[in-house]
N, C-alpha and C. Protein backbone atom coordinates (compact mmCIF):
# COMPACT_ATOMS: atom_id res chain seq x y z
N MET A 1 7.46 -2.11 -43.80
CA MET A 1 6.74 -3.08 -44.58
C MET A 1 6.74 -2.59 -46.03
N LYS A 2 6.89 -3.51 -46.97
CA LYS A 2 6.86 -3.14 -48.38
C LYS A 2 5.47 -2.65 -48.78
N VAL A 3 5.45 -1.63 -49.62
CA VAL A 3 4.19 -1.09 -50.11
C VAL A 3 3.35 -2.20 -50.75
N SER A 4 3.99 -3.09 -51.48
CA SER A 4 3.25 -4.19 -52.14
C SER A 4 2.49 -5.03 -51.12
N MET A 5 3.07 -5.26 -49.95
CA MET A 5 2.40 -6.05 -48.92
C MET A 5 1.23 -5.27 -48.30
N ILE A 6 1.41 -3.97 -48.15
CA ILE A 6 0.32 -3.14 -47.63
C ILE A 6 -0.86 -3.19 -48.59
N ILE A 7 -0.56 -3.05 -49.88
CA ILE A 7 -1.61 -3.09 -50.90
C ILE A 7 -2.33 -4.43 -50.87
N LEU A 8 -1.59 -5.52 -50.86
CA LEU A 8 -2.20 -6.85 -50.85
C LEU A 8 -3.04 -7.06 -49.59
N SER A 9 -2.56 -6.59 -48.48
CA SER A 9 -3.29 -6.72 -47.22
C SER A 9 -4.62 -5.98 -47.28
N HIS A 10 -4.57 -4.74 -47.78
CA HIS A 10 -5.80 -3.96 -47.87
C HIS A 10 -6.77 -4.54 -48.90
N LEU A 11 -6.26 -5.06 -49.99
CA LEU A 11 -7.13 -5.71 -50.97
C LEU A 11 -7.82 -6.93 -50.36
N SER A 12 -7.10 -7.71 -49.58
CA SER A 12 -7.69 -8.86 -48.91
C SER A 12 -8.77 -8.42 -47.92
N ASP A 13 -8.48 -7.35 -47.19
CA ASP A 13 -9.46 -6.82 -46.23
C ASP A 13 -10.72 -6.37 -46.95
N VAL A 14 -10.55 -5.67 -48.07
CA VAL A 14 -11.70 -5.20 -48.85
C VAL A 14 -12.51 -6.38 -49.35
N GLN A 15 -11.83 -7.39 -49.84
CA GLN A 15 -12.51 -8.59 -50.33
C GLN A 15 -13.35 -9.22 -49.22
N GLU A 16 -12.79 -9.32 -48.04
CA GLU A 16 -13.53 -9.88 -46.90
C GLU A 16 -14.71 -9.00 -46.52
N MET A 17 -14.51 -7.69 -46.56
CA MET A 17 -15.59 -6.76 -46.21
C MET A 17 -16.74 -6.87 -47.19
N ILE A 18 -16.43 -6.99 -48.45
CA ILE A 18 -17.47 -7.09 -49.47
C ILE A 18 -18.28 -8.37 -49.28
N HIS A 19 -17.60 -9.47 -49.04
CA HIS A 19 -18.29 -10.75 -48.86
C HIS A 19 -18.98 -10.85 -47.51
N GLY A 20 -18.52 -10.05 -46.55
CA GLY A 20 -19.11 -10.09 -45.22
C GLY A 20 -20.03 -8.92 -44.95
N ASN A 21 -20.46 -8.23 -46.01
CA ASN A 21 -21.35 -7.08 -45.87
C ASN A 21 -20.74 -5.98 -45.00
N GLY A 22 -19.48 -5.65 -45.28
CA GLY A 22 -18.80 -4.59 -44.55
C GLY A 22 -19.36 -3.22 -44.88
N ASN A 23 -18.95 -2.24 -44.12
CA ASN A 23 -19.37 -0.86 -44.31
C ASN A 23 -18.86 -0.35 -45.65
N PRO A 24 -19.75 0.01 -46.59
CA PRO A 24 -19.32 0.48 -47.92
C PRO A 24 -18.43 1.72 -47.87
N ASP A 25 -18.67 2.60 -46.91
CA ASP A 25 -17.84 3.80 -46.79
C ASP A 25 -16.40 3.42 -46.43
N TYR A 26 -16.24 2.48 -45.51
CA TYR A 26 -14.90 2.07 -45.12
C TYR A 26 -14.22 1.30 -46.24
N VAL A 27 -14.98 0.52 -47.00
CA VAL A 27 -14.43 -0.17 -48.17
C VAL A 27 -13.88 0.86 -49.14
N ASN A 28 -14.61 1.94 -49.37
CA ASN A 28 -14.14 2.98 -50.28
C ASN A 28 -12.89 3.66 -49.76
N VAL A 29 -12.79 3.88 -48.46
CA VAL A 29 -11.59 4.47 -47.87
C VAL A 29 -10.40 3.56 -48.15
N ARG A 30 -10.57 2.27 -47.94
CA ARG A 30 -9.48 1.32 -48.19
C ARG A 30 -9.06 1.34 -49.65
N ILE A 31 -10.02 1.34 -50.55
CA ILE A 31 -9.72 1.37 -51.98
C ILE A 31 -9.00 2.66 -52.35
N ASN A 32 -9.44 3.78 -51.82
CA ASN A 32 -8.78 5.05 -52.09
C ASN A 32 -7.35 5.07 -51.55
N PHE A 33 -7.14 4.46 -50.40
CA PHE A 33 -5.78 4.36 -49.84
C PHE A 33 -4.89 3.52 -50.76
N ILE A 34 -5.41 2.44 -51.29
CA ILE A 34 -4.66 1.61 -52.22
C ILE A 34 -4.28 2.42 -53.46
N LYS A 35 -5.22 3.18 -53.99
CA LYS A 35 -4.94 4.04 -55.15
C LYS A 35 -3.83 5.03 -54.81
N TYR A 36 -3.92 5.64 -53.64
CA TYR A 36 -2.92 6.60 -53.19
C TYR A 36 -1.53 5.95 -53.16
N LEU A 37 -1.45 4.77 -52.59
CA LEU A 37 -0.16 4.09 -52.51
C LEU A 37 0.42 3.78 -53.88
N THR A 38 -0.43 3.30 -54.79
CA THR A 38 0.08 2.92 -56.11
C THR A 38 0.54 4.14 -56.90
N LEU A 39 -0.08 5.29 -56.67
CA LEU A 39 0.36 6.50 -57.36
C LEU A 39 1.59 7.13 -56.71
N LYS A 40 1.67 7.06 -55.40
CA LYS A 40 2.80 7.67 -54.69
C LYS A 40 4.07 6.85 -54.80
N TYR A 41 3.95 5.54 -54.75
CA TYR A 41 5.12 4.66 -54.73
C TYR A 41 5.17 3.84 -56.00
N LYS A 42 5.88 4.34 -57.00
CA LYS A 42 6.02 3.60 -58.26
C LYS A 42 6.74 2.28 -58.02
N ASN A 43 7.68 2.28 -57.08
CA ASN A 43 8.39 1.06 -56.71
C ASN A 43 7.72 0.50 -55.46
N THR A 44 6.93 -0.55 -55.63
CA THR A 44 6.18 -1.08 -54.49
C THR A 44 7.04 -1.94 -53.57
N ASP A 45 8.33 -2.02 -53.87
CA ASP A 45 9.26 -2.68 -52.94
C ASP A 45 9.75 -1.70 -51.87
N THR A 46 9.34 -0.45 -51.98
CA THR A 46 9.71 0.58 -51.02
C THR A 46 9.17 0.21 -49.64
N GLU A 47 10.01 0.38 -48.63
CA GLU A 47 9.61 0.09 -47.26
C GLU A 47 9.00 1.35 -46.63
N VAL A 48 7.79 1.22 -46.08
CA VAL A 48 7.14 2.33 -45.40
C VAL A 48 6.42 1.80 -44.16
N ASP A 49 6.14 2.70 -43.25
CA ASP A 49 5.32 2.36 -42.10
C ASP A 49 3.86 2.52 -42.54
N PRO A 50 3.06 1.45 -42.53
CA PRO A 50 1.69 1.55 -43.03
C PRO A 50 0.84 2.55 -42.26
N TYR A 51 1.10 2.70 -40.97
CA TYR A 51 0.31 3.63 -40.17
C TYR A 51 0.66 5.08 -40.52
N VAL A 52 1.94 5.35 -40.75
CA VAL A 52 2.37 6.68 -41.16
C VAL A 52 1.82 6.99 -42.55
N ALA A 53 1.88 6.02 -43.46
CA ALA A 53 1.37 6.23 -44.81
C ALA A 53 -0.13 6.53 -44.78
N PHE A 54 -0.89 5.84 -43.93
CA PHE A 54 -2.33 6.08 -43.85
C PHE A 54 -2.62 7.46 -43.27
N GLU A 55 -1.83 7.88 -42.28
CA GLU A 55 -2.00 9.21 -41.71
C GLU A 55 -1.71 10.29 -42.75
N GLU A 56 -0.67 10.07 -43.57
CA GLU A 56 -0.35 11.00 -44.66
C GLU A 56 -1.50 11.06 -45.65
N PHE A 57 -2.04 9.90 -46.01
CA PHE A 57 -3.17 9.83 -46.92
C PHE A 57 -4.35 10.62 -46.38
N LYS A 58 -4.68 10.41 -45.11
CA LYS A 58 -5.80 11.12 -44.50
C LYS A 58 -5.58 12.62 -44.49
N ALA A 59 -4.35 13.05 -44.21
CA ALA A 59 -4.04 14.48 -44.15
C ALA A 59 -4.11 15.13 -45.53
N LYS A 60 -3.64 14.41 -46.55
CA LYS A 60 -3.61 14.97 -47.90
C LYS A 60 -4.95 14.89 -48.61
N HIS A 61 -5.77 13.93 -48.24
CA HIS A 61 -7.04 13.69 -48.93
C HIS A 61 -8.19 13.48 -47.94
N PRO A 62 -8.47 14.46 -47.11
CA PRO A 62 -9.52 14.28 -46.10
C PRO A 62 -10.90 14.00 -46.71
N SER A 63 -11.15 14.53 -47.89
CA SER A 63 -12.47 14.29 -48.50
C SER A 63 -12.66 12.84 -48.90
N LEU A 64 -11.57 12.11 -49.13
CA LEU A 64 -11.67 10.69 -49.49
C LEU A 64 -11.86 9.81 -48.26
N VAL A 65 -11.55 10.35 -47.11
CA VAL A 65 -11.66 9.60 -45.86
C VAL A 65 -13.00 9.90 -45.19
N ASN A 66 -13.44 11.12 -45.30
CA ASN A 66 -14.66 11.56 -44.61
C ASN A 66 -15.86 11.64 -45.54
N ALA A 67 -15.82 10.89 -46.62
CA ALA A 67 -16.92 10.96 -47.60
C ALA A 67 -18.18 10.34 -47.05
């Protein structure tokens, strides 16, 4: 899946969570993951596995996931 689609999907999820009174901690995890993707992949047309990318994010930045 293109990084751009992963980012858009997570932004939509965050938007729904905010309007639906979602868990603020999980909203922050999603936002931090989006930041991670935008910094890691300058070309958002890059194809990645979103599950692998999230696992990499969690491994590299555990404090952003377990805050």
